[in-house]
């Protein structure tokens, strides 16, 4: 529990994707495939030519897989969906191009109630753990598959 005077911002989705990819262009920072030896997700399902694996059905301690990206970040794929600053938009039309969070809702597709989540979780299909995948949910919703990442700048 944090003291009431501590505030932690949610970071924009553009920043999340940049640090997740860490200079890569593949679906995952570690390559084209995902296995349950690399991340916590529903390993009973496959992505492309990825083999089936273990479905742990719970979160894992940070760094359990010892596979950091080139920026030194762990668990960017799977474990828990990470809340983002941005509101949900059904497409990228009108998105900011400066890396800032997308908070206005000119296309009026969610009345600013839904926020973005990134990264996938321990219960998701492997495709939901891709660097490019995103999900929107009500910002007041609590769920064991949702969390956030504290970043120091």
Foldseek 3Di string as FASTA:
>chain_A
DDPPPDDFAFAALLVLLCLQCVPHDEQGVVHPFDAVLQAQEQQCAGDDPHHRYDQPVAADPWCPSVDAHPVRHTLLAARAWAWHPAFDDPDCVPPDPPRGHHQDDPVPPDVSQKTKTAQHYNYHHRSRRTSPHIDIDGPVDDDRRYDHDGDDD
